[in-house]
Amino acid sequence: QVQLVESGGGLVQPGGSLRLSCAASGMIFSMYVSGWYRQAPGKQRELVAAITSGGTTNYVDSVKGRFTISRDNAKNTVYLQMNSLKPEDTAVYYCAASAGMLVFTTESQYTYWGQGTQVTVSS
């Protein structure tokens, strides 16, 4: 049974940093594309960043230069390092994964989802 479990969310002041982690189980993690999505209140869920098993990445324009997605296949974990956080980054962040070798950028391409972790950026 495939499971994705996110951690690392919380409350942070504007300009601060957080590191999200997503631990995967029940899959051959190195064969999966991973992504981070977020959903703010009243808004659609959007892709934040995605990474292939080989390390190819994709970012939404609003986080480029501030967020970094990475993965450790030996630990079955994908990370999202978030720096220079802004109030508009406030959202529930979801980890997603799907078998494949290319970067996936649409929600329907992801098979497995975590339960989400809340990130709140506020003073």
N, C-alpha and C. Protein backbone atom coordinates (compact mmCIF):
# COMPACT_ATOMS: atom_id res chain seq x y z
N GLN A 1 0.84 -1.18 0.00
CA GLN A 1 0.00 0.00 0.00
C GLN A 1 0.89 1.25 0.00
N VAL A 2 0.68 2.09 -1.00
CA VAL A 2 1.48 3.30 -1.12
C VAL A 2 0.99 4.35 -0.13
N GLN A 3 1.93 4.96 0.56
CA GLN A 3 1.60 6.04 1.48
C GLN A 3 2.59 7.18 1.32
N LEU A 4 2.07 8.40 1.39
CA LEU A 4 2.88 9.61 1.41
C LEU A 4 2.51 10.38 2.67
N VAL A 5 3.51 10.71 3.47
CA VAL A 5 3.26 11.40 4.72
C VAL A 5 4.10 12.67 4.77
N GLU A 6 3.42 13.81 4.80
CA GLU A 6 4.10 15.11 4.85
C GLU A 6 4.36 15.52 6.29
N SER A 7 5.40 16.31 6.46
CA SER A 7 5.69 16.91 7.76
C SER A 7 6.47 18.20 7.54
N GLY A 8 6.55 19.01 8.59
CA GLY A 8 7.36 20.21 8.52
C GLY A 8 6.61 21.51 8.39
N GLY A 9 5.30 21.44 8.26
CA GLY A 9 4.52 22.66 8.16
C GLY A 9 4.45 23.40 9.50
N GLY A 10 3.90 24.60 9.47
CA GLY A 10 3.77 25.37 10.70
C GLY A 10 3.55 26.84 10.42
N LEU A 11 3.71 27.63 11.47
CA LEU A 11 3.55 29.08 11.40
C LEU A 11 4.93 29.72 11.34
N VAL A 12 5.10 30.62 10.40
CA VAL A 12 6.39 31.29 10.24
C VAL A 12 6.13 32.75 9.87
N GLN A 13 7.04 33.62 10.26
CA GLN A 13 6.91 35.04 9.93
C GLN A 13 7.33 35.29 8.49
N PRO A 14 6.81 36.34 7.89
CA PRO A 14 7.27 36.69 6.53
C PRO A 14 8.79 36.83 6.49
N GLY A 15 9.37 36.29 5.42
CA GLY A 15 10.82 36.29 5.29
C GLY A 15 11.49 35.08 5.89
N GLY A 16 10.73 34.28 6.61
CA GLY A 16 11.28 33.10 7.25
C GLY A 16 11.36 31.91 6.31
N SER A 17 11.78 30.77 6.88
CA SER A 17 11.98 29.55 6.10
C SER A 17 11.31 28.36 6.77
N LEU A 18 10.94 27.42 5.95
CA LEU A 18 10.44 26.12 6.41
C LEU A 18 10.93 25.05 5.45
N ARG A 19 11.08 23.85 5.97
CA ARG A 19 11.44 22.71 5.13
C ARG A 19 10.38 21.63 5.29
N LEU A 20 9.69 21.35 4.19
CA LEU A 20 8.70 20.29 4.20
C LEU A 20 9.35 18.98 3.78
N SER A 21 8.90 17.89 4.37
CA SER A 21 9.36 16.56 4.00
C SER A 21 8.17 15.69 3.64
N CYS A 22 8.39 14.77 2.73
CA CYS A 22 7.36 13.82 2.33
C CYS A 22 8.00 12.44 2.30
N ALA A 23 7.60 11.60 3.24
CA ALA A 23 8.14 10.25 3.31
C ALA A 23 7.23 9.29 2.59
N ALA A 24 7.79 8.54 1.66
CA ALA A 24 7.02 7.60 0.85
C ALA A 24 7.28 6.17 1.30
N SER A 25 6.26 5.35 1.20
CA SER A 25 6.40 3.93 1.49
C SER A 25 5.50 3.14 0.55
N GLY A 26 5.83 1.85 0.39
CA GLY A 26 5.02 0.99 -0.45
C GLY A 26 5.26 1.14 -1.94
N MET A 27 6.37 1.77 -2.32
CA MET A 27 6.69 1.98 -3.73
C MET A 27 8.18 1.90 -3.94
N ILE A 28 8.56 1.68 -5.19
CA ILE A 28 9.97 1.80 -5.55
C ILE A 28 10.19 3.28 -5.86
N PHE A 29 10.58 4.02 -4.84
CA PHE A 29 10.55 5.48 -4.89
C PHE A 29 11.36 6.02 -6.05
N SER A 30 12.45 5.36 -6.39
CA SER A 30 13.32 5.87 -7.45
C SER A 30 12.66 5.84 -8.82
N MET A 31 11.54 5.17 -8.95
CA MET A 31 10.83 5.08 -10.23
C MET A 31 9.66 6.07 -10.30
N TYR A 32 9.57 6.95 -9.32
CA TYR A 32 8.41 7.83 -9.23
C TYR A 32 8.79 9.29 -9.38
N VAL A 33 7.94 10.02 -10.09
CA VAL A 33 8.00 11.48 -10.13
C VAL A 33 7.30 12.00 -8.88
N SER A 34 7.85 13.02 -8.28
CA SER A 34 7.24 13.60 -7.08
C SER A 34 6.95 15.07 -7.29
N GLY A 35 5.91 15.54 -6.63
CA GLY A 35 5.56 16.95 -6.74
C GLY A 35 5.00 17.48 -5.44
N TRP A 36 5.09 18.79 -5.28
CA TRP A 36 4.45 19.49 -4.18
C TRP A 36 3.38 20.40 -4.76
N TYR A 37 2.17 20.28 -4.25
CA TYR A 37 1.05 21.15 -4.60
C TYR A 37 0.67 21.95 -3.36
N ARG A 38 -0.08 23.03 -3.59
CA ARG A 38 -0.63 23.78 -2.47
C ARG A 38 -2.02 24.29 -2.83
N GLN A 39 -2.81 24.45 -1.78
CA GLN A 39 -4.16 24.98 -1.96
C GLN A 39 -4.45 25.98 -0.86
N ALA A 40 -4.65 27.21 -1.28
CA ALA A 40 -5.02 28.28 -0.36
C ALA A 40 -6.54 28.35 -0.25
N PRO A 41 -7.06 28.90 0.83
CA PRO A 41 -8.52 28.99 0.99
C PRO A 41 -9.17 29.70 -0.18
N GLY A 42 -10.19 29.08 -0.75
CA GLY A 42 -10.93 29.69 -1.84
C GLY A 42 -10.24 29.64 -3.19
N LYS A 43 -9.11 28.95 -3.26
CA LYS A 43 -8.37 28.87 -4.52
C LYS A 43 -8.19 27.43 -4.96
N GLN A 44 -7.89 27.27 -6.24
CA GLN A 44 -7.63 25.92 -6.76
C GLN A 44 -6.25 25.44 -6.32
N ARG A 45 -6.12 24.14 -6.24
CA ARG A 45 -4.82 23.57 -5.92
C ARG A 45 -3.88 23.82 -7.10
N GLU A 46 -2.65 24.21 -6.79
CA GLU A 46 -1.68 24.50 -7.84
C GLU A 46 -0.37 23.77 -7.58
N LEU A 47 0.29 23.44 -8.69
CA LEU A 47 1.61 22.82 -8.58
C LEU A 47 2.62 23.86 -8.12
N VAL A 48 3.41 23.51 -7.12
CA VAL A 48 4.48 24.39 -6.65
C VAL A 48 5.79 23.99 -7.29
N ALA A 49 6.09 22.69 -7.23
CA ALA A 49 7.36 22.18 -7.78
C ALA A 49 7.24 20.69 -8.01
N ALA A 50 8.03 20.20 -8.95
CA ALA A 50 8.05 18.77 -9.24
C ALA A 50 9.48 18.35 -9.52
N ILE A 51 9.75 17.06 -9.31
CA ILE A 51 11.10 16.54 -9.53
C ILE A 51 11.02 15.09 -9.99
N THR A 52 11.85 14.77 -10.98
CA THR A 52 11.93 13.39 -11.45
C THR A 52 12.93 12.62 -10.60
N SER A 53 12.99 11.33 -10.81
CA SER A 53 13.93 10.52 -10.04
C SER A 53 15.37 10.90 -10.36
N GLY A 54 15.58 11.44 -11.56
CA GLY A 54 16.92 11.84 -11.96
C GLY A 54 17.29 13.25 -11.54
N GLY A 55 16.31 13.99 -10.97
CA GLY A 55 16.62 15.31 -10.45
C GLY A 55 16.19 16.48 -11.32
N THR A 56 15.53 16.21 -12.43
CA THR A 56 14.98 17.31 -13.23
C THR A 56 13.84 17.97 -12.46
N THR A 57 13.84 19.30 -12.44
CA THR A 57 12.86 20.01 -11.63
C THR A 57 12.03 20.99 -12.46
N ASN A 58 10.90 21.37 -11.87
CA ASN A 58 10.00 22.35 -12.47
C ASN A 58 9.39 23.14 -11.34
N TYR A 59 9.28 24.47 -11.50
CA TYR A 59 8.72 25.32 -10.46
C TYR A 59 7.67 26.25 -11.05
N VAL A 60 6.68 26.57 -10.24
CA VAL A 60 5.76 27.64 -10.62
C VAL A 60 6.53 28.96 -10.50
N ASP A 61 6.21 29.92 -11.36
CA ASP A 61 6.98 31.16 -11.41
C ASP A 61 7.03 31.88 -10.07
N SER A 62 5.96 31.83 -9.31
CA SER A 62 5.87 32.61 -8.07
C SER A 62 6.84 32.14 -6.98
N VAL A 63 7.42 30.95 -7.12
CA VAL A 63 8.34 30.45 -6.10
C VAL A 63 9.77 30.31 -6.60
N LYS A 64 9.99 30.57 -7.87
CA LYS A 64 11.34 30.42 -8.42
C LYS A 64 12.32 31.35 -7.68
N GLY A 65 13.46 30.78 -7.31
CA GLY A 65 14.46 31.55 -6.58
C GLY A 65 14.24 31.54 -5.08
N ARG A 66 13.08 31.06 -4.62
CA ARG A 66 12.80 31.03 -3.18
C ARG A 66 12.64 29.59 -2.66
N PHE A 67 12.05 28.73 -3.47
CA PHE A 67 11.80 27.35 -3.06
C PHE A 67 12.73 26.40 -3.82
N THR A 68 13.10 25.32 -3.17
CA THR A 68 13.93 24.30 -3.80
C THR A 68 13.36 22.93 -3.48
N ILE A 69 13.07 22.16 -4.52
CA ILE A 69 12.62 20.78 -4.34
C ILE A 69 13.82 19.86 -4.51
N SER A 70 13.88 18.84 -3.68
CA SER A 70 14.97 17.87 -3.78
C SER A 70 14.45 16.51 -3.30
N ARG A 71 15.23 15.49 -3.52
CA ARG A 71 14.80 14.16 -3.09
C ARG A 71 16.00 13.34 -2.70
N ASP A 72 15.76 12.40 -1.80
CA ASP A 72 16.77 11.43 -1.40
C ASP A 72 16.15 10.06 -1.64
N ASN A 73 16.51 9.43 -2.75
CA ASN A 73 15.90 8.15 -3.10
C ASN A 73 16.24 7.06 -2.10
N ALA A 74 17.40 7.16 -1.46
CA ALA A 74 17.78 6.16 -0.47
C ALA A 74 16.89 6.24 0.77
N LYS A 75 16.36 7.42 1.04
CA LYS A 75 15.49 7.61 2.21
C LYS A 75 14.02 7.66 1.82
N ASN A 76 13.73 7.48 0.53
CA ASN A 76 12.33 7.53 0.05
C ASN A 76 11.65 8.82 0.47
N THR A 77 12.36 9.92 0.34
CA THR A 77 11.85 11.20 0.83
C THR A 77 12.07 12.30 -0.19
N VAL A 78 11.08 13.16 -0.33
CA VAL A 78 11.20 14.37 -1.14
C VAL A 78 11.03 15.56 -0.22
N TYR A 79 11.77 16.62 -0.50
CA TYR A 79 11.78 17.80 0.36
C TYR A 79 11.35 19.04 -0.43
N LEU A 80 10.86 20.02 0.31
CA LEU A 80 10.62 21.34 -0.26
C LEU A 80 11.18 22.37 0.71
N GLN A 81 12.30 22.95 0.34
CA GLN A 81 12.90 24.02 1.14
C GLN A 81 12.29 25.33 0.70
N MET A 82 11.67 26.02 1.64
CA MET A 82 10.98 27.26 1.33
C MET A 82 11.64 28.41 2.08
N ASN A 83 12.19 29.33 1.33
CA ASN A 83 12.86 30.50 1.91
C ASN A 83 12.13 31.78 1.51
N SER A 84 12.42 32.84 2.20
CA SER A 84 11.81 34.15 1.91
C SER A 84 10.29 34.03 1.78
N LEU A 85 9.70 33.38 2.73
CA LEU A 85 8.27 33.11 2.67
C LEU A 85 7.45 34.38 2.75
N LYS A 86 6.34 34.38 2.03
CA LYS A 86 5.43 35.52 1.94
C LYS A 86 4.05 35.10 2.44
N PRO A 87 3.25 36.05 2.88
CA PRO A 87 1.89 35.69 3.31
C PRO A 87 1.10 34.95 2.23
N GLU A 88 1.35 35.25 0.98
CA GLU A 88 0.63 34.58 -0.11
C GLU A 88 1.07 33.12 -0.30
N ASP A 89 2.09 32.68 0.41
CA ASP A 89 2.49 31.27 0.39
C ASP A 89 1.65 30.44 1.37
N THR A 90 0.83 31.11 2.15
CA THR A 90 -0.02 30.39 3.10
C THR A 90 -0.98 29.46 2.37
N ALA A 91 -0.95 28.19 2.75
CA ALA A 91 -1.77 27.18 2.07
C ALA A 91 -1.56 25.84 2.75
N VAL A 92 -2.39 24.89 2.39
CA VAL A 92 -2.11 23.50 2.72
C VAL A 92 -1.24 22.94 1.59
N TYR A 93 -0.12 22.36 1.96
CA TYR A 93 0.82 21.82 0.99
C TYR A 93 0.69 20.29 0.94
N TYR A 94 0.58 19.78 -0.28
CA TYR A 94 0.39 18.35 -0.50
C TYR A 94 1.56 17.77 -1.29
N CYS A 95 1.96 16.60 -0.89
CA CYS A 95 2.94 15.83 -1.64
C CYS A 95 2.18 14.89 -2.57
N ALA A 96 2.71 14.70 -3.78
CA ALA A 96 2.09 13.82 -4.75
C ALA A 96 3.17 13.00 -5.45
N ALA A 97 2.80 11.83 -5.94
CA ALA A 97 3.75 10.98 -6.63
C ALA A 97 3.05 10.12 -7.66
N SER A 98 3.82 9.75 -8.68
CA SER A 98 3.29 8.87 -9.70
C SER A 98 4.44 8.20 -10.43
N ALA A 99 4.22 6.99 -10.90
CA ALA A 99 5.26 6.29 -11.64
C ALA A 99 5.53 7.03 -12.95
N GLY A 100 6.79 7.20 -13.28
CA GLY A 100 7.14 7.89 -14.50
C GLY A 100 8.54 8.45 -14.45
N MET A 101 8.99 8.90 -15.61
CA MET A 101 10.35 9.40 -15.71
C MET A 101 10.43 10.88 -16.09
N LEU A 102 9.28 11.45 -16.52
CA LEU A 102 9.28 12.86 -16.92
C LEU A 102 8.64 13.70 -15.83
N VAL A 103 8.89 15.00 -15.87
CA VAL A 103 8.24 15.90 -14.91
C VAL A 103 6.75 15.96 -15.22
N PHE A 104 5.93 15.77 -14.23
CA PHE A 104 4.48 15.89 -14.37
C PHE A 104 4.05 17.24 -13.82
N THR A 105 3.23 17.95 -14.57
CA THR A 105 2.82 19.29 -14.15
C THR A 105 1.33 19.46 -14.00
N THR A 106 0.56 18.41 -14.26
CA THR A 106 -0.89 18.50 -14.08
C THR A 106 -1.35 17.54 -12.99
N GLU A 107 -2.37 17.97 -12.29
CA GLU A 107 -2.84 17.23 -11.12
C GLU A 107 -3.27 15.81 -11.49
N SER A 108 -3.89 15.66 -12.63
CA SER A 108 -4.42 14.36 -13.02
C SER A 108 -3.33 13.34 -13.30
N GLN A 109 -2.10 13.80 -13.46
CA GLN A 109 -0.99 12.88 -13.73
C GLN A 109 -0.48 12.20 -12.47
N TYR A 110 -0.87 12.71 -11.31
CA TYR A 110 -0.38 12.15 -10.05
C TYR A 110 -1.38 11.15 -9.48
N THR A 111 -0.87 9.99 -9.13
CA THR A 111 -1.70 8.90 -8.65
C THR A 111 -1.89 8.93 -7.13
N TYR A 112 -0.83 9.25 -6.43
CA TYR A 112 -0.84 9.15 -4.97
C TYR A 112 -0.65 10.54 -4.35
N TRP A 113 -1.37 10.74 -3.24
CA TRP A 113 -1.37 12.04 -2.56
C TRP A 113 -1.23 11.84 -1.06
N GLY A 114 -0.52 12.79 -0.43
CA GLY A 114 -0.48 12.81 1.02
C GLY A 114 -1.68 13.54 1.58
N GLN A 115 -1.72 13.63 2.91
CA GLN A 115 -2.86 14.22 3.58
C GLN A 115 -2.76 15.75 3.69
N GLY A 116 -1.59 16.28 3.43
CA GLY A 116 -1.40 17.72 3.46
C GLY A 116 -0.84 18.22 4.78
N THR A 117 -0.11 19.32 4.71
CA THR A 117 0.43 19.96 5.90
C THR A 117 0.22 21.48 5.76
N GLN A 118 -0.22 22.11 6.83
CA GLN A 118 -0.55 23.53 6.78
C GLN A 118 0.71 24.38 6.93
N VAL A 119 0.84 25.35 6.04
CA VAL A 119 1.88 26.36 6.14
C VAL A 119 1.20 27.72 6.25
N THR A 120 1.50 28.43 7.31
CA THR A 120 0.92 29.75 7.53
C THR A 120 2.05 30.76 7.68
N VAL A 121 2.02 31.79 6.83
CA VAL A 121 3.03 32.84 6.87
C VAL A 121 2.34 34.12 7.35
N SER A 122 2.68 34.52 8.54
CA SER A 122 1.99 35.67 9.15
C SER A 122 2.85 36.25 10.26
N SER A 123 2.72 37.56 10.42
CA SER A 123 3.42 38.23 11.52
C SER A 123 2.52 38.33 12.75
